[in-house]
């Protein structure tokens, strides 16, 4: 029986890892999947050794505080991989952990497949040399990444974006059908919500002055995040929706969105938006010196230009955001242009089937290990 070890350290990685595991099981029902991830991967049939996704962190200073826990999990994982010798290690994003683990696996002769590339085009470009030495096969989900890796000597395959597989699988209801639904998406982590929700609420109050019947809804990953959001909402009639992000996006006329995967999800639903991004002063100072991209929103990176307004750090405030929000809520030329641009971004991602294509590439590596 073939054995594959997975590592995913964030909510999005857990989701895409789960769909990848389902695709693997369809193609090779006897395969044994074990690893670190989250509840989604466990539900897909993986033996979950540690819920790494539930402990996701962001920001440089937050990582430093979590180092003792991360180091303990890493050492336990290295020991387990050494003892069990899986046929393949599948690393899903989460580069700080996964590249170190890939180094240990390579020393043991275990082939490593990397699914969902580290964003080396944004920062730490020197990592691509490390990747070329350690990774047997890189499976990328953004169309411009394949050429970059191949030019660096990495065996790389563009499989498409897994969101195109995931979105149709999530059942939605009509609970949020309304004339003017405004989505507030401040992120899935507590620290993201702490930094961005206050700004979003200020903007929402301004929207309400112009649209008294607007319905404000904040999707939440769990009850804890819902309680956090409700506690801060004050007198704004803000609804929370646990596990119903796509219900909200399907109904929304406009969204305020934290930079991250949610920007691309919102784009794929064709919803006009603005992107907000805030870090602690220390983390922002560090990021300014490390990050090498012109845009922070994935939708803008894919477009190659700023089709969605971005409000970063001190610019993420009511006075800056509200005028643009009102313009995009109205039947305006700016709204029409954004709708066309979002359609173009969707077209750049190609056809669904990323999970199955990635699974086939992984099985090739597994079979080669048995040859």
Protein backbone atom coordinates (compact mmCIF):
# COMPACT_ATOMS: atom_id res chain seq x y z
CA UNK A 1 0.00 0.00 0.00
CA UNK A 2 1.32 3.44 -0.95
CA UNK A 3 1.61 6.02 1.82
CA UNK A 4 1.63 9.79 1.31
CA UNK A 5 2.40 12.31 4.06
CA UNK A 6 0.76 15.75 3.78
CA UNK A 7 1.46 19.06 5.47
CA UNK A 8 -0.92 22.03 5.30
CA UNK A 9 -0.73 24.81 7.87
CA UNK A 10 -3.58 27.18 7.05
CA UNK A 11 -7.33 27.12 6.44
CA UNK A 12 -7.02 27.48 2.67
CA UNK A 13 -4.37 24.75 2.54
CA UNK A 14 -6.65 22.48 4.55
CA UNK A 15 -9.48 23.03 2.06
CA UNK A 16 -7.35 22.44 -1.03
CA UNK A 17 -5.59 19.52 0.63
CA UNK A 18 -8.94 17.90 1.32
CA UNK A 19 -10.00 18.14 -2.32
CA UNK A 20 -6.60 16.78 -3.38
CA UNK A 21 -6.98 13.79 -1.05
CA UNK A 22 -10.43 13.04 -2.43
CA UNK A 23 -9.03 13.13 -5.95
CA UNK A 24 -6.19 10.78 -4.94
CA UNK A 25 -8.63 8.34 -3.37
CA UNK A 26 -10.74 8.33 -6.52
CA UNK A 27 -7.72 7.56 -8.69
CA UNK A 28 -6.04 5.14 -6.24
CA UNK A 29 -8.47 3.88 -3.55
CA UNK A 30 -5.76 1.90 -1.72
CA UNK A 31 -3.57 4.92 -1.02
CA UNK A 32 -2.95 5.77 2.64
CA UNK A 33 -2.94 9.46 3.55
CA UNK A 34 -1.57 10.78 6.83
CA UNK A 35 -0.18 14.09 7.98
CA UNK A 36 -0.64 17.56 9.41
CA UNK A 37 -3.53 19.71 8.27
CA UNK A 38 -6.99 20.39 9.57
CA UNK A 39 -10.53 19.10 9.94
CA UNK A 40 -11.25 19.28 6.22
CA UNK A 41 -8.37 16.97 5.36
CA UNK A 42 -9.36 14.61 8.15
CA UNK A 43 -12.92 14.49 6.80
CA UNK A 44 -11.52 13.64 3.36
CA UNK A 45 -9.87 10.54 4.80
CA UNK A 46 -6.46 11.66 6.04
CA UNK A 47 -5.16 10.41 9.38
CA UNK A 48 -4.67 13.75 11.14
CA UNK A 49 -1.62 13.71 13.39
CA UNK A 50 -1.86 17.39 14.37
CA UNK A 51 -4.37 20.14 13.54
CA UNK A 52 -1.84 22.64 12.23
CA UNK A 53 -4.45 24.62 10.27
CA UNK A 54 -6.40 25.48 13.42
CA UNK A 55 -3.25 27.08 14.85
CA UNK A 56 -2.57 29.28 11.80
CA UNK A 57 -0.74 32.51 12.57
CA UNK A 58 0.18 35.62 10.62
CA UNK A 59 2.78 38.35 10.98
CA UNK A 60 6.47 38.10 11.80
CA UNK A 61 6.18 38.85 15.53
CA UNK A 62 3.33 36.32 15.95
CA UNK A 63 5.52 33.64 14.35
CA UNK A 64 8.32 34.38 16.81
CA UNK A 65 5.97 33.89 19.77
CA UNK A 66 4.73 30.59 18.35
CA UNK A 67 8.22 29.20 17.64
CA UNK A 68 8.40 26.79 20.63
CA UNK A 69 5.16 25.09 19.57
CA UNK A 70 6.12 25.02 15.89
CA UNK A 71 9.56 23.59 16.72
CA UNK A 72 8.01 20.82 18.83
CA UNK A 73 5.56 19.84 16.07
CA UNK A 74 8.34 19.97 13.48
CA UNK A 75 10.65 17.69 15.46
CA UNK A 76 7.86 15.20 16.11
CA UNK A 77 7.01 15.21 12.40
CA UNK A 78 10.62 14.58 11.35
CA UNK A 79 10.79 11.63 13.75
CA UNK A 80 7.53 10.22 12.38
CA UNK A 81 8.58 10.58 8.74
CA UNK A 82 11.93 8.96 9.52
CA UNK A 83 10.24 6.03 11.25
CA UNK A 84 7.48 5.43 8.67
CA UNK A 85 9.26 6.40 5.42
CA UNK A 86 6.26 7.48 3.29
CA UNK A 87 6.47 7.09 -0.48
CA UNK A 88 6.00 10.82 -0.97
CA UNK A 89 5.78 14.03 1.06
CA UNK A 90 3.19 16.51 -0.24
CA UNK A 91 3.83 20.02 1.03
CA UNK A 92 0.95 22.48 0.65
CA UNK A 93 2.02 26.15 0.80
CA UNK A 94 3.22 27.00 4.39
CA UNK A 95 6.86 27.45 3.25
CA UNK A 96 8.57 28.28 6.54
CA UNK A 97 7.68 24.83 7.89
CA UNK A 98 7.48 22.86 4.66
CA UNK A 99 10.81 23.79 3.11
CA UNK A 100 12.62 22.77 6.29
CA UNK A 101 10.70 19.51 6.35
CA UNK A 102 11.46 18.97 2.65
CA UNK A 103 15.18 19.22 3.47
CA UNK A 104 14.87 16.46 6.05
CA UNK A 105 12.76 14.29 3.75
CA UNK A 106 15.26 14.68 0.91
CA UNK A 107 18.06 13.51 3.22
CA UNK A 108 16.00 10.40 3.89
CA UNK A 109 15.45 9.79 0.18
CA UNK A 110 11.74 10.63 0.33
CA UNK A 111 10.54 12.50 -2.80
CA UNK A 112 8.81 15.83 -2.15
CA UNK A 113 5.96 17.26 -4.20
CA UNK A 114 5.06 20.88 -3.47
CA UNK A 115 1.45 21.86 -4.18
CA UNK A 116 0.60 25.59 -4.11
CA UNK A 117 3.92 27.32 -4.42
CA UNK A 118 5.52 29.64 -1.88
CA UNK A 119 5.10 33.16 -3.23
CA UNK A 120 8.76 33.51 -4.18
CA UNK A 121 7.78 36.11 -6.78
CA UNK A 122 6.64 38.36 -3.91
CA UNK A 123 9.39 37.89 -1.34
CA UNK A 124 12.37 35.68 -0.48
CA UNK A 125 13.15 35.06 -4.16
CA UNK A 126 16.30 33.25 -3.13
CA UNK A 127 14.12 30.36 -1.99
CA UNK A 128 13.77 29.24 -5.58
CA UNK A 129 17.36 27.89 -5.46
CA UNK A 130 16.47 25.87 -2.36
CA UNK A 131 13.31 24.60 -4.05
CA UNK A 132 15.30 23.47 -7.10
CA UNK A 133 17.50 21.31 -4.84
CA UNK A 134 14.76 19.82 -2.66
CA UNK A 135 11.54 19.47 -4.63
CA UNK A 136 10.97 16.54 -7.00
CA UNK A 137 7.95 18.25 -8.56
CA UNK A 138 6.36 21.68 -8.10
CA UNK A 139 2.61 21.94 -8.80
CA UNK A 140 1.63 25.58 -9.24
CA UNK A 141 -1.84 27.14 -9.30
CA UNK A 142 -1.06 30.54 -10.86
CA UNK A 143 -0.41 30.70 -14.59
CA UNK A 144 2.68 32.93 -14.45
CA UNK A 145 4.53 30.69 -11.96
CA UNK A 146 5.33 27.76 -14.26
CA UNK A 147 7.75 29.64 -16.53
CA UNK A 148 9.54 31.20 -13.56
CA UNK A 149 10.21 27.82 -11.93
CA UNK A 150 11.19 26.05 -15.12
CA UNK A 151 13.72 28.78 -15.92
CA UNK A 152 15.23 28.09 -12.47
CA UNK A 153 15.54 24.38 -13.27
CA UNK A 154 12.55 23.20 -11.21
CA UNK A 155 10.37 20.37 -12.51
CA UNK A 156 7.15 22.37 -12.53
CA UNK A 157 3.58 21.76 -13.75
CA UNK A 158 0.74 24.30 -13.84
CA UNK A 159 -2.37 22.40 -12.71
CA UNK A 160 -4.86 25.28 -12.46
CA UNK A 161 -6.47 26.93 -9.47
CA UNK A 162 -8.23 24.62 -6.97
CA UNK A 163 -10.83 27.25 -6.08
CA UNK A 164 -12.46 26.49 -9.41
CA UNK A 165 -13.01 22.94 -8.11
CA UNK A 166 -13.91 23.90 -4.58
CA UNK A 167 -16.54 26.60 -5.12
CA UNK A 168 -19.05 24.37 -6.99
CA UNK A 169 -18.78 21.73 -4.24
CA UNK A 170 -19.96 24.07 -1.47
CA UNK A 171 -23.77 24.07 -1.14
CA UNK A 172 -25.32 27.50 -0.76
CA UNK A 173 -28.76 28.71 0.28
CA UNK A 174 -30.84 31.76 -0.54
CA UNK A 175 -30.80 33.06 3.05
CA UNK A 176 -29.00 36.26 2.04
CA UNK A 177 -30.90 37.16 -1.09
CA UNK A 178 -31.66 40.83 -0.65
CA UNK A 179 -31.60 44.06 -2.62
CA UNK A 180 -28.38 45.38 -1.06
CA UNK A 181 -26.19 42.87 0.78
CA UNK A 182 -22.80 44.22 1.86
CA UNK A 183 -20.26 41.60 2.90
CA UNK A 184 -17.65 42.30 5.57
CA UNK A 185 -14.76 39.83 5.28
CA UNK A 186 -12.11 40.83 7.85
CA UNK A 187 -10.24 37.50 7.71
CA UNK A 188 -10.33 34.16 9.48
CA UNK A 189 -7.72 34.82 12.18
CA UNK A 190 -8.40 36.68 15.43
CA UNK A 191 -5.53 39.12 14.87
CA UNK A 192 -6.78 40.00 11.37
CA UNK A 193 -10.21 40.76 12.76
CA UNK A 194 -8.73 42.88 15.54
CA UNK A 195 -6.94 45.07 13.01
CA UNK A 196 -9.51 45.36 10.23
CA UNK A 197 -13.01 44.96 11.62
CA UNK A 198 -13.07 48.41 13.24
CA UNK A 199 -12.33 50.09 9.90
CA UNK A 200 -14.93 47.96 8.13
CA UNK A 201 -17.55 48.88 10.74
CA UNK A 202 -16.76 52.59 10.34
CA UNK A 203 -17.23 52.26 6.58
CA UNK A 204 -20.41 50.23 7.08
CA UNK A 205 -21.91 53.00 9.21
CA UNK A 206 -21.12 55.44 6.39
CA UNK A 207 -22.75 53.14 3.83
CA UNK A 208 -25.84 52.89 6.01
CA UNK A 209 -26.26 56.66 5.92
CA UNK A 210 -26.68 56.43 2.14
CA UNK A 211 -28.31 52.98 2.00
CA UNK A 212 -30.52 52.68 5.13
CA UNK A 213 -31.85 49.29 4.01
CA UNK A 214 -28.45 47.76 3.34
CA UNK A 215 -27.94 44.35 4.95
CA UNK A 216 -24.49 43.84 6.46
CA UNK A 217 -23.25 40.25 6.80
CA UNK A 218 -19.87 38.94 8.02
CA UNK A 219 -19.00 35.32 7.16
CA UNK A 220 -17.13 33.53 9.97
CA UNK A 221 -15.11 30.34 10.10
CA UNK A 222 -16.40 29.35 13.53
CA UNK A 223 -18.40 30.42 16.59
CA UNK A 224 -15.39 32.03 18.27
CA UNK A 225 -14.83 34.40 15.35
CA UNK A 226 -18.57 35.12 15.20
CA UNK A 227 -18.58 36.08 18.88
CA UNK A 228 -15.54 38.29 18.36
CA UNK A 229 -17.22 40.12 15.48
CA UNK A 230 -20.59 40.53 17.22
CA UNK A 231 -18.89 41.92 20.33
CA UNK A 232 -17.27 44.68 18.28
CA UNK A 233 -20.24 45.49 16.02
CA UNK A 234 -21.95 47.75 18.57
CA UNK A 235 -25.17 49.28 17.26
CA UNK A 236 -24.57 48.29 13.64
CA UNK A 237 -27.13 45.63 12.63
CA UNK A 238 -24.44 43.20 11.54
CA UNK A 239 -25.29 39.56 10.93
CA UNK A 240 -22.73 36.78 11.22
CA UNK A 241 -22.82 33.66 9.08
CA UNK A 242 -20.76 30.70 10.27
CA UNK A 243 -19.41 28.62 7.40
CA UNK A 244 -21.44 30.52 4.81
CA UNK A 245 -18.88 32.65 3.00
CA UNK A 246 -20.10 31.55 -0.41
CA UNK A 247 -23.74 32.17 0.50
CA UNK A 248 -22.78 35.74 1.30
CA UNK A 249 -20.67 36.19 -1.83
CA UNK A 250 -23.40 34.79 -4.03
CA UNK A 251 -25.83 37.39 -2.70
CA UNK A 252 -23.54 40.39 -2.13
CA UNK A 253 -23.60 43.57 -4.16
CA UNK A 254 -20.33 44.79 -2.66
CA UNK A 255 -17.71 43.56 -0.17
CA UNK A 256 -15.02 44.95 2.11
CA UNK A 257 -12.32 42.26 2.01
CA UNK A 258 -9.11 41.55 3.91
CA UNK A 259 -6.16 40.82 1.65
CA UNK A 260 -5.80 37.07 1.18
CA UNK A 261 -7.60 34.16 -0.45
CA UNK A 262 -10.95 35.90 0.07
CA UNK A 263 -10.08 38.53 -2.55
CA UNK A 264 -9.84 35.86 -5.25
CA UNK A 265 -12.96 34.10 -3.99
CA UNK A 266 -14.86 37.39 -4.15
CA UNK A 267 -13.54 37.96 -7.67
CA UNK A 268 -14.68 34.52 -8.81
CA UNK A 269 -18.20 35.36 -7.64
CA UNK A 270 -18.01 38.59 -9.64
CA UNK A 271 -18.57 40.88 -6.66
CA UNK A 272 -17.13 44.43 -6.69
CA UNK A 273 -14.91 45.03 -3.66
CA UNK A 274 -12.17 47.00 -2.01
CA UNK A 275 -9.17 45.34 -0.35
CA UNK A 276 -7.94 46.31 3.11
CA UNK A 277 -4.66 45.34 4.73
CA UNK A 278 -3.22 46.20 8.13
CA UNK A 279 -0.34 44.85 10.17
CA UNK A 280 1.16 45.82 13.48
CA UNK A 281 3.67 48.67 13.05
CA UNK A 282 6.62 46.28 13.54
CA UNK A 283 5.31 43.71 11.06
CA UNK A 284 4.51 46.42 8.52
CA UNK A 285 8.03 47.87 8.82
CA UNK A 286 9.50 44.42 8.17
CA UNK A 287 7.12 43.69 5.29
CA UNK A 288 7.95 46.95 3.53
CA UNK A 289 11.57 45.84 3.36
CA UNK A 290 10.93 42.27 2.26
CA UNK A 291 7.90 42.22 -0.05
CA UNK A 292 8.65 42.93 -3.71
CA UNK A 293 5.28 43.29 -5.44
CA UNK A 294 3.32 46.27 -6.69
CA UNK A 295 -0.03 44.93 -5.45
CA UNK A 296 -1.11 43.00 -2.36
CA UNK A 297 -4.41 41.60 -3.64
CA UNK A 298 -4.17 38.35 -5.62
CA UNK A 299 -6.88 39.60 -7.97
CA UNK A 300 -4.67 42.58 -8.88
CA UNK A 301 -1.55 40.41 -9.18
CA UNK A 302 -3.35 38.15 -11.65
CA UNK A 303 -4.67 41.14 -13.59
CA UNK A 304 -1.21 42.69 -13.70
CA UNK A 305 -2.67 46.04 -12.68
CA UNK A 306 -4.83 47.54 -9.95
CA UNK A 307 -8.39 46.70 -10.92
CA UNK A 308 -9.52 46.63 -7.26
CA UNK A 309 -8.66 49.51 -4.89
CA UNK A 310 -6.21 48.61 -2.12
CA UNK A 311 -6.10 50.46 1.19
CA UNK A 312 -2.99 49.58 3.17
CA UNK A 313 -2.08 50.46 6.77
CA UNK A 314 -2.97 54.13 7.52
CA UNK A 315 -4.93 54.39 4.26
CA UNK A 316 -7.34 51.75 5.56
CA UNK A 317 -9.68 54.29 7.17
CA UNK A 318 -13.23 55.50 6.72
CA UNK A 319 -12.32 58.76 4.95
CA UNK A 320 -10.35 56.93 2.25
CA UNK A 321 -12.46 53.80 1.83
CA UNK A 322 -16.04 55.11 2.06
CA UNK A 323 -16.07 57.22 -1.16
CA UNK A 324 -14.84 54.27 -3.21
CA UNK A 325 -17.30 51.91 -1.49
CA UNK A 326 -20.23 54.20 -2.35
CA UNK A 327 -19.03 54.50 -5.95
CA UNK A 328 -18.90 50.72 -6.35
CA UNK A 329 -22.28 50.20 -4.69
CA UNK A 330 -23.93 52.56 -7.16
CA UNK A 331 -24.71 51.79 -10.80
CA UNK A 332 -21.57 53.64 -11.81
CA UNK A 333 -19.00 53.38 -14.64
CA UNK A 334 -16.46 52.27 -12.01
CA UNK A 335 -18.71 49.37 -10.98
CA UNK A 336 -19.29 48.33 -14.61
CA UNK A 337 -15.55 48.42 -15.32
CA UNK A 338 -14.73 46.30 -12.27
CA UNK A 339 -17.30 43.71 -13.23
CA UNK A 340 -15.66 43.39 -16.67
CA UNK A 341 -12.19 43.19 -15.12
CA UNK A 342 -13.22 40.48 -12.66
CA UNK A 343 -14.58 38.41 -15.54
CA UNK A 344 -11.22 38.72 -17.29
CA UNK A 345 -9.37 37.57 -14.15
CA UNK A 346 -11.59 34.51 -13.92
CA UNK A 347 -10.69 33.65 -17.52
CA UNK A 348 -6.94 33.71 -16.77
CA UNK A 349 -7.33 30.73 -14.40
CA UNK A 350 -8.49 28.35 -17.12
CA UNK A 351 -10.67 25.32 -16.58
CA UNK A 352 -11.57 23.41 -13.38
CA UNK A 353 -9.85 20.13 -12.55
CA UNK A 354 -6.79 21.30 -10.60
CA UNK A 355 -7.21 18.76 -7.81
CA UNK A 356 -7.42 15.81 -10.17
CA UNK A 357 -4.50 17.01 -12.28
CA UNK A 358 -2.41 17.49 -9.14
CA UNK A 359 -3.38 14.02 -7.89
CA UNK A 360 -2.20 12.43 -11.15
CA UNK A 361 1.16 14.18 -10.87
CA UNK A 362 1.58 12.97 -7.27
CA UNK A 363 0.72 9.39 -8.22
CA UNK A 364 3.45 9.47 -10.88
CA UNK A 365 5.97 10.31 -8.18
CA UNK A 366 4.58 7.61 -5.86
CA UNK A 367 4.76 4.97 -8.60
CA UNK A 368 8.31 5.98 -9.45
CA UNK A 369 9.25 5.44 -5.80
CA UNK A 370 8.08 1.83 -6.11
CA UNK A 371 9.83 1.21 -9.44
